[in-house]
Protein backbone atom coordinates (compact mmCIF):
# COMPACT_ATOMS: atom_id res chain seq x y z
CA UNK A 1 10.03 -35.84 41.73
CA UNK A 2 13.55 -35.37 40.37
CA UNK A 3 14.77 -37.68 37.60
CA UNK A 4 18.38 -36.51 37.84
CA UNK A 5 20.67 -39.06 39.51
CA UNK A 6 22.15 -37.78 42.75
CA UNK A 7 25.67 -38.52 41.58
CA UNK A 8 25.21 -37.03 38.05
CA UNK A 9 28.01 -34.81 36.77
CA UNK A 10 27.23 -31.11 36.40
CA UNK A 11 25.66 -30.10 34.11
CA UNK A 12 23.57 -33.05 32.88
CA UNK A 13 21.72 -31.01 30.26
CA UNK A 14 24.22 -29.71 27.73
CA UNK A 15 22.13 -28.12 24.99
CA UNK A 16 25.26 -27.26 23.10
CA UNK A 17 25.71 -30.93 22.20
CA UNK A 18 23.27 -30.54 19.30
CA UNK A 19 24.98 -27.37 18.05
CA UNK A 20 28.43 -28.94 17.74
CA UNK A 21 28.38 -29.69 13.99
CA UNK A 22 26.40 -28.60 10.96
CA UNK A 23 24.93 -32.11 10.70
CA UNK A 24 23.69 -32.05 14.29
CA UNK A 25 22.33 -28.53 13.92
CA UNK A 26 20.41 -29.67 10.85
CA UNK A 27 18.92 -32.65 12.70
CA UNK A 28 17.77 -30.39 15.54
CA UNK A 29 16.42 -27.55 13.37
CA UNK A 30 12.84 -26.65 14.27
CA UNK A 31 12.15 -24.78 11.01
CA UNK A 32 13.43 -25.04 7.47
CA UNK A 33 13.40 -22.68 4.50
CA UNK A 34 12.60 -24.21 1.12
CA UNK A 35 12.35 -22.86 -2.41
CA UNK A 36 8.70 -23.91 -2.21
CA UNK A 37 8.18 -21.15 0.37
CA UNK A 38 8.96 -18.38 -2.13
CA UNK A 39 6.86 -16.10 -4.32
CA UNK A 40 8.89 -13.72 -6.49
CA UNK A 41 7.36 -10.25 -7.10
CA UNK A 42 8.31 -8.76 -10.48
CA UNK A 43 7.58 -5.40 -12.10
CA UNK A 44 6.53 -5.15 -15.73
CA UNK A 45 6.62 -2.15 -18.05
CA UNK A 46 5.78 -1.30 -21.64
CA UNK A 47 8.35 -1.76 -24.39
CA UNK A 48 10.32 -4.54 -26.01
CA UNK A 49 13.45 -6.35 -24.86
CA UNK A 50 14.23 -3.74 -22.23
CA UNK A 51 14.68 -3.31 -18.51
CA UNK A 52 15.05 -0.47 -16.05
CA UNK A 53 17.00 -0.60 -12.78
CA UNK A 54 15.03 0.69 -9.80
CA UNK A 55 17.46 2.95 -7.89
CA UNK A 56 15.92 2.41 -4.44
CA UNK A 57 15.83 -1.39 -4.89
CA UNK A 58 19.33 -2.48 -5.96
CA UNK A 59 19.21 -5.54 -8.18
CA UNK A 60 15.48 -5.22 -8.94
CA UNK A 61 14.39 -4.31 -12.46
CA UNK A 62 11.28 -3.27 -14.30
CA UNK A 63 10.95 -5.68 -17.21
CA UNK A 64 9.18 -5.55 -20.54
CA UNK A 65 6.76 -8.42 -21.07
CA UNK A 66 9.19 -10.47 -23.16
CA UNK A 67 11.83 -10.18 -20.43
CA UNK A 68 9.22 -10.96 -17.76
CA UNK A 69 8.62 -14.22 -19.63
CA UNK A 70 12.36 -14.96 -19.38
CA UNK A 71 12.25 -14.16 -15.67
CA UNK A 72 9.37 -16.60 -15.23
CA UNK A 73 11.34 -19.28 -17.03
CA UNK A 74 14.29 -18.62 -14.72
CA UNK A 75 12.01 -18.88 -11.69
CA UNK A 76 10.58 -22.16 -12.93
CA UNK A 77 14.04 -23.58 -13.58
CA UNK A 78 15.06 -22.61 -10.04
CA UNK A 79 12.01 -24.35 -8.59
CA UNK A 80 10.25 -21.16 -7.47
CA UNK A 81 6.56 -22.09 -7.54
CA UNK A 82 5.00 -18.65 -8.12
CA UNK A 83 5.61 -15.12 -9.31
CA UNK A 84 3.56 -12.01 -8.57
CA UNK A 85 3.08 -9.37 -11.27
CA UNK A 86 2.99 -5.62 -10.62
CA UNK A 87 2.57 -3.17 -13.52
CA UNK A 88 4.44 0.10 -13.92
CA UNK A 89 2.17 2.69 -15.50
CA UNK A 90 3.10 6.19 -16.59
CA UNK A 91 1.13 9.33 -15.78
CA UNK A 92 -0.66 9.28 -19.13
CA UNK A 93 -2.18 5.89 -18.28
CA UNK A 94 -3.58 7.05 -14.93
CA UNK A 95 -7.13 8.40 -14.87
CA UNK A 96 -9.79 9.28 -12.33
CA UNK A 97 -12.03 6.44 -13.56
CA UNK A 98 -9.19 3.87 -13.52
CA UNK A 99 -10.71 2.19 -16.58
CA UNK A 100 -7.41 0.60 -17.61
CA UNK A 101 -7.48 -1.49 -14.42
CA UNK A 102 -9.96 -3.99 -15.85
CA UNK A 103 -8.99 -3.80 -19.51
CA UNK A 104 -8.14 -7.28 -20.85
CA UNK A 105 -5.26 -5.65 -22.74
CA UNK A 106 -3.62 -3.82 -19.86
CA UNK A 107 0.01 -4.47 -19.07
CA UNK A 108 -0.60 -6.86 -16.18
CA UNK A 109 -3.03 -9.01 -18.15
CA UNK A 110 -0.80 -9.15 -21.22
CA UNK A 111 2.12 -10.21 -19.05
CA UNK A 112 0.01 -12.85 -17.32
CA UNK A 113 -1.16 -14.32 -20.62
CA UNK A 114 2.35 -14.32 -22.12
CA UNK A 115 3.91 -15.98 -19.08
CA UNK A 116 1.15 -18.56 -18.77
CA UNK A 117 1.57 -19.45 -22.46
CA UNK A 118 5.36 -19.82 -22.13
CA UNK A 119 5.61 -21.30 -18.62
CA UNK A 120 2.26 -22.96 -17.92
CA UNK A 121 3.44 -24.75 -14.78
CA UNK A 122 4.38 -21.65 -12.80
CA UNK A 123 1.66 -20.13 -10.64
CA UNK A 124 0.89 -16.50 -11.43
CA UNK A 125 -0.33 -14.13 -8.72
CA UNK A 126 -1.75 -10.74 -9.65
CA UNK A 127 -2.36 -7.56 -7.70
CA UNK A 128 -5.88 -6.17 -7.28
CA UNK A 129 -5.91 -2.49 -6.35
CA UNK A 130 -6.51 0.68 -8.31
CA UNK A 131 -3.32 2.52 -7.39
CA UNK A 132 -1.34 1.70 -10.59
CA UNK A 133 -4.17 3.14 -12.66
CA UNK A 134 -5.47 5.93 -10.42
CA UNK A 135 -4.58 9.56 -11.17
CA UNK A 136 -4.27 10.24 -7.43
CA UNK A 137 -2.31 7.08 -6.56
CA UNK A 138 -4.91 5.62 -4.20
CA UNK A 139 -6.12 2.02 -4.06
CA UNK A 140 -9.73 3.15 -4.39
CA UNK A 141 -11.86 5.83 -6.01
CA UNK A 142 -11.65 9.25 -4.38
CA UNK A 143 -14.81 11.33 -4.11
CA UNK A 144 -14.59 14.76 -2.44
CA UNK A 145 -11.37 13.76 -0.76
CA UNK A 146 -12.74 10.47 0.61
CA UNK A 147 -12.00 6.90 -0.49
CA UNK A 148 -15.37 5.39 -1.40
CA UNK A 149 -15.58 1.74 -0.46
CA UNK A 150 -18.49 0.11 -2.27
CA UNK A 151 -17.96 1.76 -5.65
CA UNK A 152 -14.30 0.72 -5.43
CA UNK A 153 -15.28 -2.89 -4.70
CA UNK A 154 -17.35 -2.97 -7.88
CA UNK A 155 -14.29 -1.88 -9.87
CA UNK A 156 -12.07 -4.40 -8.09
CA UNK A 157 -14.45 -7.20 -9.04
CA UNK A 158 -14.16 -6.23 -12.71
CA UNK A 159 -10.39 -6.15 -12.31
CA UNK A 160 -10.44 -9.60 -10.68
CA UNK A 161 -12.45 -11.17 -13.50
CA UNK A 162 -10.16 -9.66 -16.16
CA UNK A 163 -7.10 -11.07 -14.38
CA UNK A 164 -8.69 -14.51 -14.03
CA UNK A 165 -9.57 -14.51 -17.73
CA UNK A 166 -5.93 -13.65 -18.56
CA UNK A 167 -4.78 -16.78 -16.72
CA UNK A 168 -4.05 -15.71 -13.12
CA UNK A 169 -3.90 -18.60 -10.68
CA UNK A 170 -3.96 -16.45 -7.54
CA UNK A 171 -5.75 -13.14 -7.08
CA UNK A 172 -4.04 -10.82 -4.58
CA UNK A 173 -6.39 -8.08 -3.32
CA UNK A 174 -4.13 -5.47 -1.73
CA UNK A 175 -6.66 -2.62 -1.54
CA UNK A 176 -8.05 -3.17 2.01
CA UNK A 177 -11.61 -2.23 1.10
CA UNK A 178 -14.37 -3.75 3.23
CA UNK A 179 -16.27 -6.66 1.68
CA UNK A 180 -14.12 -7.10 -1.37
CA UNK A 181 -13.20 -10.75 -0.73
CA UNK A 182 -16.82 -11.90 -0.67
CA UNK A 183 -17.64 -9.88 -3.78
CA UNK A 184 -14.64 -11.28 -5.66
CA UNK A 185 -15.32 -14.86 -4.59
CA UNK A 186 -18.96 -14.69 -5.69
CA UNK A 187 -17.98 -13.19 -9.06
CA UNK A 188 -15.27 -15.79 -9.67
CA UNK A 189 -17.66 -18.63 -8.88
CA UNK A 190 -20.41 -17.18 -11.07
CA UNK A 191 -18.10 -16.68 -14.06
CA UNK A 192 -16.61 -20.18 -14.02
CA UNK A 193 -13.33 -19.36 -12.25
CA UNK A 194 -13.94 -21.62 -9.27
CA UNK A 195 -10.34 -22.82 -9.25
CA UNK A 196 -8.79 -19.35 -9.02
CA UNK A 197 -7.47 -18.82 -5.49
CA UNK A 198 -7.54 -15.64 -3.42
CA UNK A 199 -4.52 -14.65 -1.33
CA UNK A 200 -5.91 -11.71 0.59
CA UNK A 201 -3.75 -8.91 1.91
CA UNK A 202 -5.81 -9.15 5.09
CA UNK A 203 -3.50 -7.34 7.52
CA UNK A 204 -1.87 -4.65 5.41
CA UNK A 205 -0.50 -1.85 7.52
CA UNK A 206 -0.15 1.85 6.66
CA UNK A 207 3.61 1.53 6.63
CA UNK A 208 6.59 3.71 5.74
CA UNK A 209 8.36 0.58 4.48
CA UNK A 210 6.56 0.77 1.10
CA UNK A 211 8.50 3.74 -0.27
CA UNK A 212 10.77 1.97 -2.80
CA UNK A 213 7.83 -0.12 -4.08
CA UNK A 214 5.90 3.03 -4.94
CA UNK A 215 8.93 4.25 -6.87
CA UNK A 216 9.01 0.94 -8.75
CA UNK A 217 5.31 1.18 -9.53
CA UNK A 218 5.48 4.85 -10.49
CA UNK A 219 2.95 5.77 -7.82
CA UNK A 220 5.08 7.96 -5.53
CA UNK A 221 4.50 11.19 -7.39
CA UNK A 222 0.84 10.43 -8.04
CA UNK A 223 -0.17 9.76 -4.44
CA UNK A 224 -2.23 12.57 -2.92
CA UNK A 225 -2.32 12.38 0.88
CA UNK A 226 -1.79 9.01 2.56
CA UNK A 227 -3.53 5.63 2.88
CA UNK A 228 -4.27 5.65 6.59
CA UNK A 229 -8.05 5.62 6.16
CA UNK A 230 -7.98 2.13 4.67
CA UNK A 231 -4.65 0.52 5.56
CA UNK A 232 -4.17 -0.63 9.16
CA UNK A 233 -2.86 1.38 12.09
CA UNK A 234 0.60 -0.02 13.05
CA UNK A 235 -0.48 0.22 16.70
CA UNK A 236 -3.11 -2.52 16.31
CA UNK A 237 -2.90 -6.29 16.40
CA UNK A 238 -6.35 -7.48 17.56
CA UNK A 239 -7.82 -5.70 14.55
CA UNK A 240 -5.63 -7.81 12.27
CA UNK A 241 -7.26 -10.96 13.62
CA UNK A 242 -10.72 -9.54 12.98
CA UNK A 243 -9.73 -8.74 9.40
CA UNK A 244 -8.30 -12.21 8.82
CA UNK A 245 -11.40 -13.85 10.30
CA UNK A 246 -13.64 -11.79 8.03
CA UNK A 247 -11.63 -12.50 4.88
CA UNK A 248 -11.53 -16.24 5.54
CA UNK A 249 -15.28 -16.27 6.17
CA UNK A 250 -15.81 -14.47 2.85
CA UNK A 251 -13.85 -17.04 0.85
CA UNK A 252 -10.15 -16.17 1.02
CA UNK A 253 -7.99 -19.25 0.53
CA UNK A 254 -4.83 -17.71 2.01
CA UNK A 255 -4.06 -14.59 4.00
CA UNK A 256 -1.13 -12.20 4.12
CA UNK A 257 0.54 -9.93 6.64
CA UNK A 258 2.32 -6.90 5.16
CA UNK A 259 5.00 -5.66 5.87
CA UNK A 260 6.86 -8.68 7.19
CA UNK A 261 9.68 -8.34 9.73
CA UNK A 262 8.16 -5.44 11.73
CA UNK A 263 4.96 -7.51 12.08
CA UNK A 264 6.19 -11.00 12.94
CA UNK A 265 3.99 -10.93 16.05
CA UNK A 266 0.96 -10.59 13.75
CA UNK A 267 2.12 -13.52 11.61
CA UNK A 268 2.40 -15.69 14.71
CA UNK A 269 -1.01 -14.69 16.07
CA UNK A 270 -2.71 -15.27 12.72
CA UNK A 271 -1.20 -18.72 12.26
CA UNK A 272 -1.90 -19.78 15.84
CA UNK A 273 -5.52 -18.62 15.80
CA UNK A 274 -6.63 -19.69 12.31
CA UNK A 275 -4.19 -22.29 11.01
CA UNK A 276 -4.93 -21.08 7.48
CA UNK A 277 -2.15 -20.73 4.89
CA UNK A 278 -0.37 -17.60 6.09
CA UNK A 279 2.02 -15.50 4.02
CA UNK A 280 4.16 -12.46 4.67
CA UNK A 281 5.49 -9.88 2.24
CA UNK A 282 9.10 -8.90 2.79
CA UNK A 283 8.43 -5.47 1.36
CA UNK A 284 10.62 -3.10 -0.61
CA UNK A 285 11.81 -1.12 2.39
CA UNK A 286 12.96 -4.27 4.16
CA UNK A 287 14.78 -5.38 1.02
CA UNK A 288 16.35 -1.95 0.48
CA UNK A 289 17.65 -1.75 4.05
CA UNK A 290 19.37 -5.13 3.81
CA UNK A 291 20.84 -4.28 0.41
CA UNK A 292 21.92 -0.81 1.49
CA UNK A 293 23.58 -1.97 4.70
CA UNK A 294 25.23 -4.83 2.82
CA UNK A 295 26.59 -2.50 0.16
CA UNK A 296 28.17 -0.37 2.88
CA UNK A 297 29.76 -3.34 4.56
CA UNK A 298 27.77 -2.83 7.75
CA UNK A 299 26.25 -6.32 7.69
CA UNK A 300 26.88 -9.63 5.99
CA UNK A 301 24.21 -9.19 3.32
CA UNK A 302 23.74 -12.86 2.42
CA UNK A 303 23.58 -14.07 6.00
CA UNK A 304 21.11 -11.36 7.02
CA UNK A 305 18.97 -12.16 3.96
CA UNK A 306 18.71 -15.82 4.95
CA UNK A 307 18.22 -15.03 8.64
CA UNK A 308 15.40 -12.61 7.85
CA UNK A 309 13.59 -15.22 5.76
CA UNK A 310 13.96 -17.87 8.45
CA UNK A 311 12.32 -15.43 10.87
CA UNK A 312 9.13 -15.64 8.79
CA UNK A 313 9.14 -19.41 8.98
CA UNK A 314 9.73 -19.31 12.73
CA UNK A 315 6.78 -16.93 13.08
CA UNK A 316 4.50 -19.47 11.40
CA UNK A 317 4.45 -18.29 7.80
CA UNK A 318 3.83 -20.88 5.10
CA UNK A 319 5.40 -18.68 2.43
CA UNK A 320 7.07 -15.35 1.75
CA UNK A 321 6.87 -12.83 -1.07
CA UNK A 322 10.43 -11.61 -1.42
CA UNK A 323 12.59 -9.87 -4.02
CA UNK A 324 15.39 -12.15 -2.87
CA UNK A 325 13.60 -15.22 -4.28
CA UNK A 326 15.96 -16.07 -7.20
CA UNK A 327 19.06 -15.46 -5.12
CA UNK A 328 17.74 -17.59 -2.27
CA UNK A 329 16.66 -20.35 -4.64
CA UNK A 330 20.18 -20.53 -6.07
CA UNK A 331 21.67 -20.75 -2.57
CA UNK A 332 19.22 -23.45 -1.48
CA UNK A 333 19.94 -25.41 -4.64
CA UNK A 334 23.71 -25.15 -4.32
C-alpha cells in the first residue's frame, strides 16, 4: 500500500536535504572517527637522543628509547589511547636461536618499561613474532627450510611473558603460528598476568603491502624466501573467519585484520559474524602510497588520509593501527 499522497510534488524523497550543510551532514553521519579509535605504531632503535628517517615511509622515524618516551608523551597529550612498539635490530643482533626475543633487556622491553614509567596512563601494545631477532627474517624457527610451528610457539610464549613483565598492556601476536593464542593465554594466567590483553593478528595476509615496514624493522635484507606458508592467501576470506573463531576460542580479547584497505570485506565479515572488538592495521604500504601520491600532487593527501580511516569505521572496525595517528589526532582536536 502506497503512503505517498497522490498529489505529492515530485520527488517527495530528497536525500540531498541532509547533505546541504556541514551541520546536517554531521547529524546524519552513520559513522564517526575519534582519537579513541587510534593506535600509533612506533619504531625504536638503539642509541641516545637520536632518530632516523625511514625513506620509504615519509614522516616516520626510528626513535631511540628516550625519544620514544617523548613520542608516547605526545600521544598521551593528543588523547591517543595506545602505542605499539616495534624494535629495529641490526644484523649482529639476529641469530638462528632468536634468544634476544625473550630477553628482559631487549630493545622492545626496555622501551616498554621506560614508556610505562614516564607515561603510565597510555596503553602499550607489543609485537610477538621472531622476525626482528631471526637471522633469516622469518616469524618462526626454520628447520631444513621449513617453519616449525610448535617449537616456535614455545619461544613466543617466553617472549610474551617477558613483554608482560616489562609492562605491556596488550600483547600483539603477529606470527600466525597455530595454537599460539591458547598457549600465550595459559602462560599469562599462570604467571599472574591475567589483566594483560591479547590483540591477535588473526587474519594476517601474505601481502606485498608490508615492504616499507620490513625496511623500518631492518628485516628486508634478512628475509630468506617468503612467508606464504604461514600468512594467509589473499584469495581466501572464509579461512579468515575460521582463524578468528579459533583465536577467540583460545582466549584472544581482540582480533585484527592486516592489511587494512585491501581487506575491508574481511573486516566487515569478522565484525558481523563475531561482534568481538575488531581492529585493522593500515600498513606501511598503504601509508606510503598515500604519502607518495600526496607528495606528487596527485591526490589531496589530508583528505585521502581521513577518507581511508573512515572506510575502516564503515567496515565495522573498532580501531585502527595507523602511522597517521598523531596527525589525525591533531586534526580531530582542532
